[in-house]
Amino acid sequence: MGSSALGYPCRFCAAPVTTVVCDLGMSPLCESYLTAEQLNQMEPFYPLRADVCERCWLVQLERYVAPEAIFTEYAYFSSYSDSWVRHARDYTGMVADRLRLGPDSLVVELASNDGYLLQHFVARGVPVLGIEPARNVAAAAEERGVPTLTRFFGVELARELVAEGRAADLVVANNVLAQVPDLNDFVAGIKLLLKPGGVVTVEFPHLVRLMEGNQFDTIYHEHFSYFSFGAARRIFARHGLTLFDVEELPTHGGSLRIYARHAGTDGQPPGERPEELAAREAAAGMDTLVPYLGFGERVAETKRGLLDFLIQAKRAGASVAGYGAPGKGNTLLNYCGIRTDLLDYTVDRNPYKQGRFTPGTHIPIHPPSRLAETRPDYILILPWNLSDEIMAQLAYAREWGARFVVPIPEVTVYGDRPLAASGAKGGAV
């Protein structure tokens, strides 16, 4: 896929964005789960297309929807993933020790969700403040004893907090940078909020890993931007923040945790990891068009492979159910056109989603107990980044010979019996 006459201004540098990386067609908002009453109403669909800016190499979606329409009432509660809660607990212990945080410190988390992370600082006696625009999720955090402001974060809120004497020793921003429409206002706000010796850590899916792992389903309207390390470094540098360390994490199919501080402040010298990662990205051509132009065809081939598998399974008389109803699953289902003709239903641990239907494809969402009641032949794991955790949780499904299907980076079937579809990779587990 080459250039097209798109020409909207880049979210970071304002240069015209003219190059398509991946076009996933039309899709509804991925967290807008439907009640039975809504199934007969018109549903809004928007173009779902990732483009790249050839000046700063930020991959981004054109903005179609105001963030207020997405994040004011939100269906994602972090605490429903055991591995994510464990990841947060491990992080809080590590960073509290590294930065020597104590009762005189303040930790502010942007997009603090249901308090899944800040609760661990509270338990250590470290003062915290959560900032979370989704009212329903913020209420869950307050019940956990995590003080939470229900606001969108940017320069305006940062100024208010600093004026109240609430500057931060540590700002945490996990999996929110991608969801910010005004990147410059958000990062400038972090700069203002940070005490002179303060540190910010930001986690986001690594664009290089997304493309290498064919993780196109992590593209959805709630994610406005997709970052290489190089692009993130340019954005923070513009706002006077230096990235002095970076960690590569397994979460969300491969993420980065960057550490930033005020430029020109004396602290430990930058480690080797930022330069080493920047060199690897340069070697992969991330500041050239080459890696971006081959991505769309790989995505289309993954769609063809998954549809081949599901069609052959259904023709063989097999039953197929889903596990999970994550945002990424809705991108996958809508792009591939998978409805109840190919997927009988899906299940999810989140009670908010149970009894509702997936956006666009209208697949019913049940509690996990439904699997044992109907004993499907195949279970399609939609949150594939948690597939090991989920297969362990669902070990009981092997009693009736169920097999697990992981769709990304390509269709792989885990189980013992012969496969219903010859095109899928098999492996006994």
Protein backbone atom coordinates (compact mmCIF):
# COMPACT_ATOMS: atom_id res chain seq x y z
CA MET A 1 0.00 0.00 0.00
CA GLY A 2 1.57 3.25 -1.04
CA SER A 3 0.66 6.88 -0.74
CA SER A 4 -2.84 8.24 -0.91
CA ALA A 5 -4.18 11.77 -0.79
CA LEU A 6 -4.92 11.72 2.93
CA GLY A 7 -3.07 14.84 3.95
CA TYR A 8 -4.40 15.43 7.47
CA PRO A 9 -1.91 17.02 9.92
CA CYS A 10 0.25 14.71 12.03
CA ARG A 11 -0.83 14.54 15.68
CA PHE A 12 2.70 15.40 16.83
CA CYS A 13 4.56 17.43 14.20
CA ALA A 14 1.62 18.68 12.03
CA ALA A 15 3.22 17.56 8.74
CA PRO A 16 0.67 16.19 6.21
CA VAL A 17 0.14 12.45 6.75
CA THR A 18 -0.14 10.75 3.36
CA THR A 19 0.97 7.10 3.69
CA VAL A 20 -1.28 4.16 4.64
CA VAL A 21 0.25 1.39 6.76
CA CYS A 22 -2.80 -0.83 7.26
CA ASP A 23 -6.45 -0.42 6.20
CA LEU A 24 -8.88 -2.50 8.28
CA GLY A 25 -12.04 -1.20 6.62
CA MET A 26 -14.95 0.15 8.65
CA SER A 27 -15.35 -0.71 12.31
CA PRO A 28 -17.43 0.36 15.34
CA LEU A 29 -15.83 1.63 18.56
CA CYS A 30 -14.28 -1.47 20.06
CA GLU A 31 -15.44 -1.00 23.67
CA SER A 32 -19.06 -0.11 22.81
CA TYR A 33 -20.71 -3.38 23.85
CA LEU A 34 -24.40 -3.56 23.00
CA THR A 35 -27.42 -4.48 25.11
CA ALA A 36 -30.14 -6.62 23.54
CA GLU A 37 -32.29 -3.47 23.14
CA GLN A 38 -29.54 -1.80 21.08
CA LEU A 39 -29.28 -4.59 18.51
CA ASN A 40 -32.10 -3.05 16.44
CA GLN A 41 -30.56 0.43 16.43
CA MET A 42 -28.21 1.95 13.93
CA GLU A 43 -24.58 1.47 14.90
CA PRO A 44 -21.87 3.99 13.95
CA PHE A 45 -18.91 2.60 12.00
CA TYR A 46 -15.76 4.61 11.29
CA PRO A 47 -12.78 4.02 9.00
CA LEU A 48 -10.07 2.03 10.80
CA ARG A 49 -6.83 2.82 9.03
CA ALA A 50 -3.33 3.30 10.41
CA ASP A 51 -1.12 5.83 8.61
CA VAL A 52 2.49 6.92 9.10
CA CYS A 53 3.93 10.45 9.13
CA GLU A 54 7.04 10.53 6.97
CA ARG A 55 8.54 13.43 8.93
CA CYS A 56 8.47 12.10 12.53
CA TRP A 57 7.46 8.43 11.86
CA LEU A 58 4.52 8.48 14.22
CA VAL A 59 1.95 5.86 13.19
CA GLN A 60 -1.54 7.18 13.86
CA LEU A 61 -5.25 7.04 13.15
CA GLU A 62 -7.10 10.02 11.85
CA ARG A 63 -9.37 11.28 14.62
CA TYR A 64 -13.04 10.54 14.00
CA VAL A 65 -14.42 10.46 17.51
CA ALA A 66 -14.02 12.78 20.50
CA PRO A 67 -12.35 11.04 23.46
CA GLU A 68 -15.36 11.97 25.60
CA ALA A 69 -17.44 9.62 23.43
CA ILE A 70 -15.03 6.75 24.15
CA PHE A 71 -13.73 7.13 27.68
CA THR A 72 -16.53 8.68 29.76
CA GLU A 73 -18.17 5.28 30.43
CA TYR A 74 -15.66 2.53 29.73
CA ALA A 75 -15.96 -1.27 29.73
CA TYR A 76 -12.33 -2.08 30.53
CA PHE A 77 -11.48 -2.86 34.16
CA SER A 78 -7.79 -3.71 34.60
CA SER A 79 -8.38 -5.95 37.61
CA TYR A 80 -9.97 -8.74 35.55
CA SER A 81 -6.57 -9.83 34.24
CA ASP A 82 -4.58 -11.69 36.91
CA SER A 83 -1.31 -11.28 35.03
CA TRP A 84 -1.87 -7.53 34.59
CA VAL A 85 -2.49 -7.04 38.33
CA ARG A 86 0.67 -9.05 39.06
CA HIS A 87 2.61 -6.91 36.55
CA ALA A 88 1.41 -3.75 38.35
CA ARG A 89 2.35 -5.10 41.79
CA ASP A 90 5.85 -6.04 40.61
CA TYR A 91 6.30 -2.60 39.06
CA THR A 92 5.26 -0.71 42.19
CA GLY A 93 7.72 -2.65 44.36
CA MET A 94 10.56 -2.10 41.90
CA VAL A 95 9.98 1.60 41.29
CA ALA A 96 9.30 2.44 44.96
CA ASP A 97 12.70 0.99 45.84
CA ARG A 98 14.49 2.51 42.84
CA LEU A 99 13.15 6.02 43.50
CA ARG A 100 13.05 5.66 47.32
CA LEU A 101 9.38 6.63 47.50
CA GLY A 102 7.90 7.08 50.96
CA PRO A 103 5.24 8.90 53.00
CA ASP A 104 6.49 12.32 51.80
CA SER A 105 6.28 11.39 48.10
CA LEU A 106 3.37 11.73 45.68
CA VAL A 107 2.63 9.24 42.91
CA VAL A 108 0.18 10.38 40.24
CA GLU A 109 -1.14 7.86 37.73
CA LEU A 110 -2.72 9.06 34.49
CA ALA A 111 -5.57 6.80 33.34
CA SER A 112 -5.49 5.01 36.70
CA ASN A 113 -8.47 2.79 35.78
CA ASP A 114 -9.93 0.93 38.77
CA GLY A 115 -6.98 1.51 41.10
CA TYR A 116 -5.36 -1.82 40.18
CA LEU A 117 -1.86 -0.24 40.36
CA LEU A 118 -2.07 2.61 42.85
CA GLN A 119 -3.55 0.30 45.52
CA HIS A 120 -0.06 -1.22 45.91
CA PHE A 121 1.47 2.21 46.67
CA VAL A 122 -1.35 2.87 49.16
CA ALA A 123 -0.48 -0.41 50.90
CA ARG A 124 3.14 0.83 51.22
CA GLY A 125 2.05 4.13 52.77
CA VAL A 126 2.95 6.20 49.69
CA PRO A 127 0.43 9.01 48.93
CA VAL A 128 -1.25 8.66 45.53
CA LEU A 129 -3.64 10.41 43.17
CA GLY A 130 -5.39 8.69 40.29
CA ILE A 131 -6.63 10.62 37.25
CA GLU A 132 -9.26 8.64 35.33
CA PRO A 133 -11.85 10.13 32.97
CA ALA A 134 -14.23 7.13 33.00
CA ARG A 135 -16.72 7.73 35.82
CA ASN A 136 -17.73 4.10 36.31
CA VAL A 137 -14.11 2.92 36.52
CA ALA A 138 -13.01 5.77 38.79
CA ALA A 139 -15.81 4.85 41.22
CA ALA A 140 -14.34 1.34 41.53
CA ALA A 141 -10.95 2.89 42.37
CA GLU A 142 -12.44 5.10 45.10
CA GLU A 143 -14.02 2.00 46.68
CA ARG A 144 -10.49 0.53 46.85
CA GLY A 145 -9.25 3.55 48.79
CA VAL A 146 -7.50 5.16 45.82
CA PRO A 147 -8.30 8.91 45.61
CA THR A 148 -9.25 9.60 42.00
CA LEU A 149 -10.03 12.71 39.94
CA THR A 150 -12.52 12.10 37.13
CA ARG A 151 -10.87 14.34 34.55
CA PHE A 152 -8.95 14.24 31.28
CA PHE A 153 -5.29 15.10 31.82
CA GLY A 154 -3.36 17.86 30.09
CA VAL A 155 -1.69 21.22 30.71
CA GLU A 156 -4.80 22.75 32.31
CA LEU A 157 -5.19 20.05 34.98
CA ALA A 158 -1.41 19.91 35.58
CA ARG A 159 -1.37 23.64 36.34
CA GLU A 160 -4.27 23.25 38.80
CA LEU A 161 -2.54 20.41 40.65
CA VAL A 162 0.80 22.23 40.90
CA ALA A 163 -1.01 25.35 42.20
CA GLU A 164 -2.53 23.14 44.92
CA GLY A 165 0.95 21.88 45.90
CA ARG A 166 0.39 18.49 44.31
CA ALA A 167 3.44 18.17 42.04
CA ALA A 168 4.53 14.56 41.52
CA ASP A 169 7.67 12.64 42.45
CA LEU A 170 6.53 9.89 40.09
CA VAL A 171 4.06 10.12 37.22
CA VAL A 172 2.85 6.75 35.93
CA ALA A 173 1.18 6.45 32.53
CA ASN A 174 0.55 2.85 31.49
CA ASN A 175 -1.20 2.15 28.19
CA VAL A 176 -2.64 5.64 27.92
CA LEU A 177 -0.20 7.46 25.60
CA ALA A 178 -1.74 5.71 22.60
CA GLN A 179 -5.19 6.87 23.70
CA VAL A 180 -4.38 10.58 23.85
CA PRO A 181 -5.64 12.65 20.90
CA ASP A 182 -3.61 15.76 21.84
CA LEU A 183 -0.15 14.28 22.45
CA ASN A 184 1.60 17.60 22.85
CA ASP A 185 -0.84 18.85 25.50
CA PHE A 186 -0.54 15.55 27.41
CA VAL A 187 3.27 15.41 27.46
CA ALA A 188 3.53 19.13 28.24
CA GLY A 189 1.20 18.46 31.17
CA ILE A 190 3.52 15.71 32.46
CA LYS A 191 6.46 18.15 32.25
CA LEU A 192 4.53 20.69 34.36
CA LEU A 193 3.34 18.15 36.94
CA LEU A 194 6.76 16.62 37.55
CA LYS A 195 8.83 17.89 40.49
CA PRO A 196 12.36 19.06 39.56
CA GLY A 197 13.84 15.69 40.51
CA GLY A 198 10.79 13.68 39.50
CA VAL A 199 10.54 10.73 37.14
CA VAL A 200 7.84 9.65 34.72
CA THR A 201 7.43 6.07 33.54
CA VAL A 202 5.27 5.37 30.50
CA GLU A 203 4.32 1.97 29.12
CA PHE A 204 2.98 1.47 25.61
CA PRO A 205 2.89 -1.32 23.02
CA HIS A 206 6.08 -1.21 20.96
CA LEU A 207 5.31 -0.52 17.29
CA VAL A 208 8.24 -2.70 16.20
CA ARG A 209 6.79 -5.68 18.07
CA LEU A 210 3.29 -4.94 16.79
CA MET A 211 4.53 -5.12 13.20
CA GLU A 212 6.89 -8.07 13.70
CA GLY A 213 4.15 -10.04 15.48
CA ASN A 214 1.43 -9.09 13.00
CA GLN A 215 -0.63 -7.68 15.89
CA PHE A 216 -3.01 -5.67 13.72
CA ASP A 217 -5.90 -6.27 16.13
CA THR A 218 -4.30 -3.85 18.60
CA ILE A 219 -5.24 -1.13 16.10
CA TYR A 220 -8.58 0.41 17.08
CA HIS A 221 -10.20 3.82 17.38
CA GLU A 222 -9.41 4.12 21.09
CA HIS A 223 -5.71 3.98 20.13
CA PHE A 224 -4.93 7.18 18.29
CA SER A 225 -1.14 6.63 18.03
CA TYR A 226 1.44 3.79 17.82
CA PHE A 227 5.00 4.41 18.96
CA SER A 228 8.46 3.28 18.09
CA PHE A 229 11.08 4.18 20.70
CA GLY A 230 12.47 6.79 18.29
CA ALA A 231 9.10 8.51 17.87
CA ALA A 232 8.51 8.53 21.65
CA ARG A 233 11.97 9.99 22.28
CA ARG A 234 11.31 12.83 19.80
CA ILE A 235 7.94 13.64 21.41
CA PHE A 236 9.31 13.79 24.97
CA ALA A 237 12.42 15.72 23.91
CA ARG A 238 10.28 18.44 22.35
CA HIS A 239 8.71 19.00 25.77
CA GLY A 240 11.99 19.09 27.69
CA LEU A 241 11.96 15.50 28.95
CA THR A 242 14.91 13.14 28.46
CA LEU A 243 14.45 9.37 28.19
CA PHE A 244 17.22 7.99 30.40
CA ASP A 245 16.20 4.33 30.54
CA VAL A 246 13.94 1.85 28.75
CA GLU A 247 12.79 -1.68 29.48
CA GLU A 248 11.33 -4.14 26.99
CA LEU A 249 8.33 -5.95 28.48
CA PRO A 250 6.28 -8.96 27.35
CA THR A 251 2.93 -7.28 28.13
CA HIS A 252 0.40 -6.60 25.34
CA GLY A 253 2.42 -8.59 22.83
CA GLY A 254 5.58 -6.58 23.52
CA SER A 255 5.71 -3.18 25.22
CA LEU A 256 8.24 -0.55 26.22
CA ARG A 257 8.52 1.08 29.64
CA ILE A 258 10.34 4.37 29.21
CA TYR A 259 11.80 6.43 32.06
CA ALA A 260 11.98 10.20 31.61
CA ARG A 261 13.13 13.18 33.68
CA HIS A 262 13.55 16.88 33.11
CA ALA A 263 16.22 17.59 30.51
CA GLY A 264 19.42 18.96 32.02
CA THR A 265 18.77 17.64 35.53
CA ASP A 266 21.59 15.89 37.29
CA GLY A 267 20.76 12.30 37.95
CA GLN A 268 22.23 8.94 37.18
CA PRO A 269 23.72 9.05 33.68
CA PRO A 270 21.55 7.51 30.95
CA GLY A 271 22.04 3.76 30.69
CA GLU A 272 23.05 1.92 27.54
CA ARG A 273 19.58 0.56 26.84
CA PRO A 274 18.09 3.65 25.13
CA GLU A 275 20.98 3.92 22.65
CA GLU A 276 21.03 0.18 22.02
CA LEU A 277 17.28 0.10 21.29
CA ALA A 278 17.51 3.20 19.08
CA ALA A 279 20.27 1.50 17.08
CA ARG A 280 18.16 -1.64 16.64
CA GLU A 281 15.22 0.42 15.41
CA ALA A 282 17.46 2.23 12.95
CA ALA A 283 18.75 -1.13 11.68
CA ALA A 284 15.12 -2.26 11.21
CA GLY A 285 14.50 0.81 9.04
CA MET A 286 11.88 2.38 11.32
CA ASP A 287 12.82 5.83 9.99
CA THR A 288 12.24 4.70 6.40
CA LEU A 289 9.11 3.60 4.56
CA VAL A 290 10.27 0.01 4.04
CA PRO A 291 8.81 -1.74 7.13
CA TYR A 292 5.51 0.14 6.91
CA LEU A 293 4.67 -0.70 3.31
CA GLY A 294 4.75 -4.51 3.68
CA PHE A 295 2.48 -4.69 6.70
CA GLY A 296 -0.94 -4.51 5.01
CA GLU A 297 -0.49 -7.66 2.93
CA ARG A 298 0.64 -9.70 5.95
CA VAL A 299 -2.50 -8.58 7.77
CA ALA A 300 -4.73 -9.64 4.86
CA GLU A 301 -3.07 -13.07 4.77
CA THR A 302 -3.75 -13.56 8.50
CA LYS A 303 -7.42 -12.79 7.88
CA ARG A 304 -7.56 -15.34 5.07
CA GLY A 305 -5.90 -17.99 7.28
CA LEU A 306 -8.32 -17.48 10.18
CA LEU A 307 -11.37 -17.56 7.91
CA ASP A 308 -10.06 -20.73 6.22
CA PHE A 309 -9.77 -22.39 9.61
CA LEU A 310 -13.21 -21.34 10.89
CA ILE A 311 -15.01 -22.23 7.65
CA GLN A 312 -13.41 -25.69 7.52
CA ALA A 313 -14.16 -26.29 11.21
CA LYS A 314 -17.81 -25.36 10.72
CA ARG A 315 -18.12 -27.50 7.58
CA ALA A 316 -16.70 -30.41 9.59
CA GLY A 317 -19.54 -29.93 12.08
CA ALA A 318 -17.36 -28.53 14.87
CA SER A 319 -18.60 -26.00 17.42
CA VAL A 320 -16.46 -22.92 18.03
CA ALA A 321 -16.76 -20.56 21.01
CA GLY A 322 -14.64 -17.57 21.93
CA TYR A 323 -12.84 -16.71 25.13
CA GLY A 324 -12.73 -13.04 26.03
CA ALA A 325 -14.33 -9.94 24.55
CA PRO A 326 -11.37 -7.52 24.50
CA GLY A 327 -11.13 -4.42 22.35
CA LYS A 328 -8.57 -6.13 20.13
CA GLY A 329 -10.98 -9.02 19.61
CA ASN A 330 -13.55 -6.63 18.19
CA THR A 331 -11.05 -5.30 15.64
CA LEU A 332 -10.29 -8.90 14.62
CA LEU A 333 -13.95 -9.97 14.42
CA ASN A 334 -15.05 -6.92 12.43
CA TYR A 335 -12.10 -6.92 10.02
CA CYS A 336 -12.55 -10.63 9.33
CA GLY A 337 -16.36 -10.44 9.20
CA ILE A 338 -16.77 -13.14 11.86
CA ARG A 339 -20.29 -13.33 13.25
CA THR A 340 -22.37 -16.11 14.83
CA ASP A 341 -22.17 -18.06 11.57
CA LEU A 342 -18.53 -18.83 12.48
CA LEU A 343 -18.33 -18.15 16.24
CA ASP A 344 -21.24 -19.39 18.36
CA TYR A 345 -20.63 -17.04 21.29
CA THR A 346 -17.82 -15.73 23.47
CA VAL A 347 -17.32 -15.57 27.25
CA ASP A 348 -15.73 -12.96 29.49
CA ARG A 349 -14.92 -12.70 33.21
CA ASN A 350 -16.03 -9.06 33.31
CA PRO A 351 -19.68 -8.92 34.53
CA TYR A 352 -20.10 -5.59 32.72
CA LYS A 353 -19.80 -7.37 29.37
CA GLN A 354 -21.86 -10.46 30.22
CA GLY A 355 -25.31 -10.42 28.65
CA ARG A 356 -24.18 -7.87 26.06
CA PHE A 357 -23.10 -8.31 22.44
CA THR A 358 -19.88 -7.50 20.62
CA PRO A 359 -20.00 -4.24 18.64
CA GLY A 360 -20.58 -4.66 14.91
CA THR A 361 -20.60 -8.47 14.89
CA HIS A 362 -23.31 -8.96 17.58
CA ILE A 363 -21.81 -12.11 19.08
CA PRO A 364 -23.38 -12.83 22.50
CA ILE A 365 -21.09 -12.57 25.56
CA HIS A 366 -21.69 -15.09 28.36
CA PRO A 367 -20.00 -15.87 31.70
CA PRO A 368 -17.11 -18.39 31.45
CA SER A 369 -19.33 -21.12 32.95
CA ARG A 370 -21.05 -21.32 29.55
CA LEU A 371 -18.06 -23.24 28.15
CA ALA A 372 -18.59 -26.19 30.48
CA GLU A 373 -22.33 -26.15 29.69
CA THR A 374 -21.93 -26.34 25.90
CA ARG A 375 -18.51 -28.07 25.63
CA PRO A 376 -17.33 -26.52 22.34
CA ASP A 377 -14.82 -28.36 20.12
CA TYR A 378 -12.68 -25.24 19.68
CA ILE A 379 -12.11 -22.20 21.91
CA LEU A 380 -10.84 -19.14 20.02
CA ILE A 381 -8.73 -17.05 22.42
CA LEU A 382 -9.33 -13.41 21.50
CA PRO A 383 -6.97 -11.82 24.11
CA TRP A 384 -4.12 -13.86 22.57
CA ASN A 385 -1.53 -11.91 24.60
CA LEU A 386 -2.89 -13.74 27.67
CA SER A 387 -3.21 -17.14 25.96
CA ASP A 388 -0.93 -19.00 28.39
CA GLU A 389 -2.85 -17.64 31.39
CA ILE A 390 -6.19 -18.47 29.74
CA MET A 391 -5.24 -22.01 28.64
CA ALA A 392 -4.17 -22.70 32.24
CA GLN A 393 -7.50 -21.33 33.54
CA LEU A 394 -9.41 -23.48 31.02
CA ALA A 395 -7.46 -26.71 31.58
CA TYR A 396 -10.79 -28.36 32.46
CA ALA A 397 -11.91 -28.00 28.82
CA ARG A 398 -9.45 -30.73 27.84
CA GLU A 399 -11.75 -33.20 29.62
CA TRP A 400 -14.09 -33.09 26.63
CA GLY A 401 -11.26 -32.76 24.11
CA ALA A 402 -11.56 -29.03 23.41
CA ARG A 403 -8.71 -27.42 21.52
CA PHE A 404 -7.51 -23.85 21.80
CA VAL A 405 -7.10 -21.58 18.78
CA VAL A 406 -4.75 -18.57 18.97
CA PRO A 407 -5.25 -16.25 15.95
CA ILE A 408 -2.14 -14.01 16.14
CA PRO A 409 0.50 -13.87 14.64
CA GLU A 410 -1.03 -16.70 12.62
CA VAL A 411 -3.66 -19.33 13.37
CA THR A 412 -2.24 -21.93 15.75
CA VAL A 413 -4.25 -24.79 17.28
CA TYR A 414 -3.24 -26.35 20.60
CA GLY A 415 -4.64 -29.78 21.37
CA ASP A 416 -4.29 -33.48 20.92
CA ARG A 417 -6.77 -34.66 18.31
CA PRO A 418 -6.43 -34.28 14.52
CA LEU A 419 -7.17 -30.76 13.33
CA ALA A 420 -10.40 -29.90 11.57
CA ALA A 421 -8.52 -27.56 9.28
CA SER A 422 -5.36 -28.53 7.45
CA GLY A 423 -4.22 -24.92 7.02
CA ALA A 424 -3.63 -24.32 10.72
CA LYS A 425 -0.48 -25.00 12.64
CA GLY A 426 -0.98 -27.65 15.28
CA GLY A 427 0.91 -28.50 18.39
CA ALA A 428 0.12 -30.66 21.38
CA VAL A 429 0.43 -28.82 24.65
